[in-house]
Protein backbone atom coordinates (compact mmCIF):
# COMPACT_ATOMS: atom_id res chain seq x y z
CA MET A 1 -135.82 43.27 49.22
CA ASP A 2 -139.20 44.21 46.34
CA TRP A 3 -136.91 46.74 44.52
CA THR A 4 -140.30 47.67 42.96
CA GLU A 5 -141.08 48.71 46.05
CA TYR A 6 -137.82 50.66 46.79
CA PHE A 7 -137.28 52.11 43.37
CA ASP A 8 -140.86 53.49 43.95
CA THR A 9 -139.40 55.39 47.21
CA GLN A 10 -136.85 56.77 44.72
CA THR A 11 -139.10 58.37 42.56
CA GLY A 12 -137.70 61.38 42.70
CA ARG A 13 -134.40 62.33 44.69
CA PRO A 14 -131.83 64.15 43.30
CA PRO A 15 -128.31 62.41 42.28
CA ARG A 16 -126.06 61.46 44.54
CA SER A 17 -123.83 63.77 45.70
CA VAL A 18 -121.42 60.89 44.43
CA LEU A 19 -122.16 61.62 40.88
CA LEU A 20 -122.55 64.83 41.85
CA ARG A 21 -118.34 65.32 42.96
CA THR A 22 -116.97 63.06 40.53
CA LEU A 23 -119.61 65.19 37.93
CA GLY A 24 -117.94 68.45 39.39
CA LEU A 25 -114.22 67.38 39.68
CA ARG A 26 -114.03 66.71 35.91
CA GLY A 27 -114.06 70.42 35.71
CA ASP A 28 -114.50 71.37 31.99
CA SER A 29 -114.58 67.80 30.30
CA GLY A 30 -116.75 67.11 28.38
CA PRO A 31 -119.14 64.01 28.07
CA GLY A 32 -118.47 60.82 27.65
CA THR A 33 -120.18 57.32 28.07
CA ALA A 34 -120.94 55.80 30.75
CA VAL A 35 -121.87 53.25 31.92
CA ASP A 36 -124.90 53.02 35.56
CA LEU A 37 -124.34 50.00 36.77
CA GLY A 38 -127.86 49.14 38.74
CA CYS A 39 -129.52 51.75 37.73
CA GLY A 40 -132.44 50.99 39.58
CA GLU A 41 -135.06 54.04 38.83
CA GLY A 42 -133.06 55.78 36.79
CA THR A 43 -131.87 59.27 38.44
CA GLU A 44 -128.75 59.45 37.20
CA THR A 45 -128.57 58.03 33.64
CA ARG A 46 -130.97 60.85 32.72
CA HIS A 47 -129.06 62.89 34.84
CA LEU A 48 -125.50 62.25 32.57
CA LEU A 49 -128.01 61.81 29.73
CA ALA A 50 -129.21 65.62 30.16
CA ALA A 51 -125.22 66.67 30.39
CA GLY A 52 -124.96 64.85 27.26
CA TRP A 53 -123.54 61.63 28.00
CA ARG A 54 -123.83 58.68 26.82
CA VAL A 55 -124.98 56.27 28.62
CA HIS A 56 -124.90 52.09 28.98
CA ALA A 57 -127.53 51.98 31.82
CA PHE A 58 -127.73 48.31 33.50
CA ASP A 59 -130.11 46.76 35.73
CA ALA A 60 -132.11 43.25 35.68
CA ASP A 61 -135.35 44.58 37.12
CA PRO A 62 -138.31 43.80 34.23
CA GLY A 63 -139.53 47.35 34.15
CA ALA A 64 -136.31 48.96 34.80
CA GLU A 65 -136.04 49.80 31.50
CA ALA A 66 -139.59 52.02 30.83
CA ARG A 67 -139.49 53.67 34.14
CA VAL A 68 -135.41 55.40 33.39
CA ARG A 69 -136.78 55.78 29.70
CA GLY A 70 -139.42 56.88 30.31
CA ALA A 71 -139.44 60.62 31.15
CA LEU A 72 -136.55 60.93 28.48
CA ASP A 73 -136.51 62.73 25.22
CA ARG A 74 -136.27 61.40 21.94
CA PRO A 75 -132.47 63.14 21.71
CA ARG A 76 -131.89 61.47 25.38
CA ALA A 77 -133.18 58.01 24.48
CA GLU A 78 -130.52 58.25 21.54
CA ARG A 79 -127.57 58.23 24.15
CA LEU A 80 -129.10 55.46 25.87
CA THR A 81 -128.64 51.62 25.62
CA PHE A 82 -130.47 49.66 27.76
CA HIS A 83 -128.64 46.53 29.84
CA SER A 84 -131.85 45.13 30.93
CA ALA A 85 -129.70 41.86 33.14
CA ARG A 86 -127.16 41.52 36.01
CA PHE A 87 -124.27 44.15 35.56
CA GLU A 88 -122.42 40.80 36.47
CA ASP A 89 -124.05 38.50 33.94
CA PHE A 90 -122.81 40.70 30.89
CA PRO A 91 -119.99 39.25 29.20
CA ALA A 92 -117.88 42.31 29.10
CA LEU A 93 -118.22 46.39 29.83
CA PRO A 94 -117.96 48.93 27.64
CA ALA A 95 -115.16 50.71 27.30
CA ALA A 96 -116.63 54.12 29.61
CA ASP A 97 -115.31 57.65 30.87
CA LEU A 98 -117.10 56.74 33.62
CA VAL A 99 -118.60 53.87 35.41
CA TYR A 100 -120.70 54.84 38.30
CA ALA A 101 -121.49 52.21 40.90
CA GLY A 102 -124.56 54.07 43.63
CA PHE A 103 -125.30 51.39 45.97
CA SER A 104 -125.11 48.49 43.60
CA LEU A 105 -122.25 46.52 43.91
CA PRO A 106 -122.49 45.02 47.65
CA PHE A 107 -125.71 43.78 45.14
CA CYS A 108 -123.36 40.93 43.02
CA ASP A 109 -122.63 37.11 44.50
CA PRO A 110 -120.16 37.33 46.52
CA LYS A 111 -118.44 35.03 44.07
CA ALA A 112 -119.19 36.68 40.14
CA PHE A 113 -117.76 40.41 42.41
CA PRO A 114 -114.12 39.34 41.93
CA GLY A 115 -114.94 38.96 38.12
CA LEU A 116 -116.74 41.66 38.98
CA TRP A 117 -114.05 44.31 39.95
CA THR A 118 -111.86 43.18 37.31
CA GLY A 119 -113.84 44.55 34.19
CA ILE A 120 -115.23 47.64 35.47
CA ARG A 121 -111.09 48.72 35.97
CA GLY A 122 -111.45 46.85 32.12
CA ALA A 123 -113.18 49.49 31.40
CA LEU A 124 -112.11 52.53 32.71
CA ASN A 125 -110.14 54.09 29.82
CA PRO A 126 -107.46 56.16 30.36
CA GLY A 127 -107.99 58.97 32.89
CA ALA A 128 -111.40 57.75 33.25
CA TRP A 129 -113.38 57.57 36.58
CA PHE A 130 -114.97 55.59 39.00
CA ALA A 131 -116.78 56.69 41.58
CA GLY A 132 -119.03 54.88 43.91
CA GLU A 133 -119.90 52.89 46.82
CA PHE A 134 -119.28 49.74 48.88
CA PHE A 135 -120.47 48.16 52.18
CA GLY A 136 -118.65 47.87 55.60
CA PRO A 137 -118.54 44.97 57.69
CA HIS A 138 -120.70 46.36 60.09
CA ASP A 139 -123.32 46.97 58.14
CA ALA A 140 -126.28 46.20 58.99
CA TRP A 141 -126.70 43.43 56.39
CA ALA A 142 -123.54 42.49 56.39
CA GLY A 143 -123.21 38.85 56.88
CA ARG A 144 -125.32 38.23 53.79
CA ALA A 145 -124.06 35.17 52.01
CA ASP A 146 -125.80 36.72 48.86
CA MET A 147 -124.11 40.30 49.40
CA ASN A 148 -120.15 41.27 49.54
CA PHE A 149 -118.14 43.44 52.05
CA HIS A 150 -115.03 44.82 52.66
CA ASP A 151 -113.01 46.14 55.60
CA ARG A 152 -110.52 49.30 55.07
CA GLU A 153 -107.69 47.33 54.35
CA GLY A 154 -110.18 45.46 51.08
CA VAL A 155 -111.23 48.70 49.97
CA ASP A 156 -107.50 49.50 49.34
CA ALA A 157 -106.39 47.26 48.14
CA LEU A 158 -109.24 46.29 45.15
CA LEU A 159 -108.62 50.80 44.38
CA ALA A 160 -105.26 49.62 44.55
CA GLY A 161 -103.51 50.83 41.38
CA LEU A 162 -105.93 54.24 40.46
CA ASP A 163 -105.42 57.27 41.84
CA LEU A 164 -107.10 58.40 45.12
CA VAL A 165 -110.16 60.72 45.14
CA ASP A 166 -112.18 60.35 47.78
CA VAL A 167 -112.38 57.68 50.00
CA ILE A 168 -115.14 58.45 52.53
CA GLU A 169 -116.19 55.66 55.81
CA ASP A 170 -119.91 56.32 56.71
CA ASP A 171 -120.21 53.58 59.30
CA ARG A 172 -123.68 55.08 61.59
CA PRO A 173 -127.13 54.13 62.37
CA GLY A 174 -129.51 56.61 60.10
CA GLN A 175 -131.99 55.63 57.84
CA SER A 176 -132.77 53.44 54.28
CA ALA A 177 -136.13 53.89 52.60
CA PHE A 178 -137.71 51.47 55.16
CA GLY A 179 -136.14 52.43 58.36
CA PRO A 180 -134.39 52.48 60.75
CA ARG A 181 -130.47 50.54 59.56
CA HIS A 182 -126.32 50.70 60.65
CA TRP A 183 -125.31 51.90 57.91
CA HIS A 184 -121.74 51.10 56.45
CA VAL A 185 -120.10 52.43 53.55
CA PHE A 186 -117.42 53.41 52.18
CA HIS A 187 -118.15 56.32 49.15
CA VAL A 188 -115.91 55.75 46.20
CA ILE A 189 -114.28 58.20 43.83
CA ALA A 190 -111.00 56.73 41.97
CA ARG A 191 -109.01 58.04 38.83
CA ALA A 192 -107.87 55.53 35.83
C-alpha cells in the first residue's frame, strides 16, 4: 500500500467518529495522556492536542512526523511525543488514559499482534479507554498474510475483562480512499 498517497487523500477530514464518541463518553473528565497507534497524517493526534491531551503518536511512515507537527503551535507541539516506529516494534507503550487505534491494528503482523495487544492492555491506566477498529474475516483484504483479522468471537475474547461500551460490526460494500471495497470492521469502545 502507498501510505503517502493514502495520507494525502485523508488530509482535511474530520476526526473519526469512534474517537469523538469516546471523548464524549468521558464526560467532564479532563484531558490526560493518549496513545495514537498508527497516527498517519495526524487528524486524531491534532484533535487530542487541541483538547489539551498529552499525546504519544506512533507511525513508521518517514513523512508522518512532519505531517503531524506541520500544523502545530508551540504549546501543542510541546505536548506531543512522536515515535517514528512501527508500534508493534516498540518495547513498551506508555501508560495512558486513552489508547486510540483507528484502522491501524489490522496492519500489525499477525505474529506480533498478540504481544502488541498485551502491551495495549498493559498500557491502560485504571479507568482508561480504548477506541479503535479490528477487521473481520469478510473484509476485502481478509487472507493477507501480513495483516490480522478477527471474527466476533475473537474480538470478544480480546476485549474480555474490559467494560464494553460499543462493539459495532460493519459488514458491507462501501468506498475507500482508493475506490469500492467490502468492509468488515468492528468499531470498538471499551474501558479498563
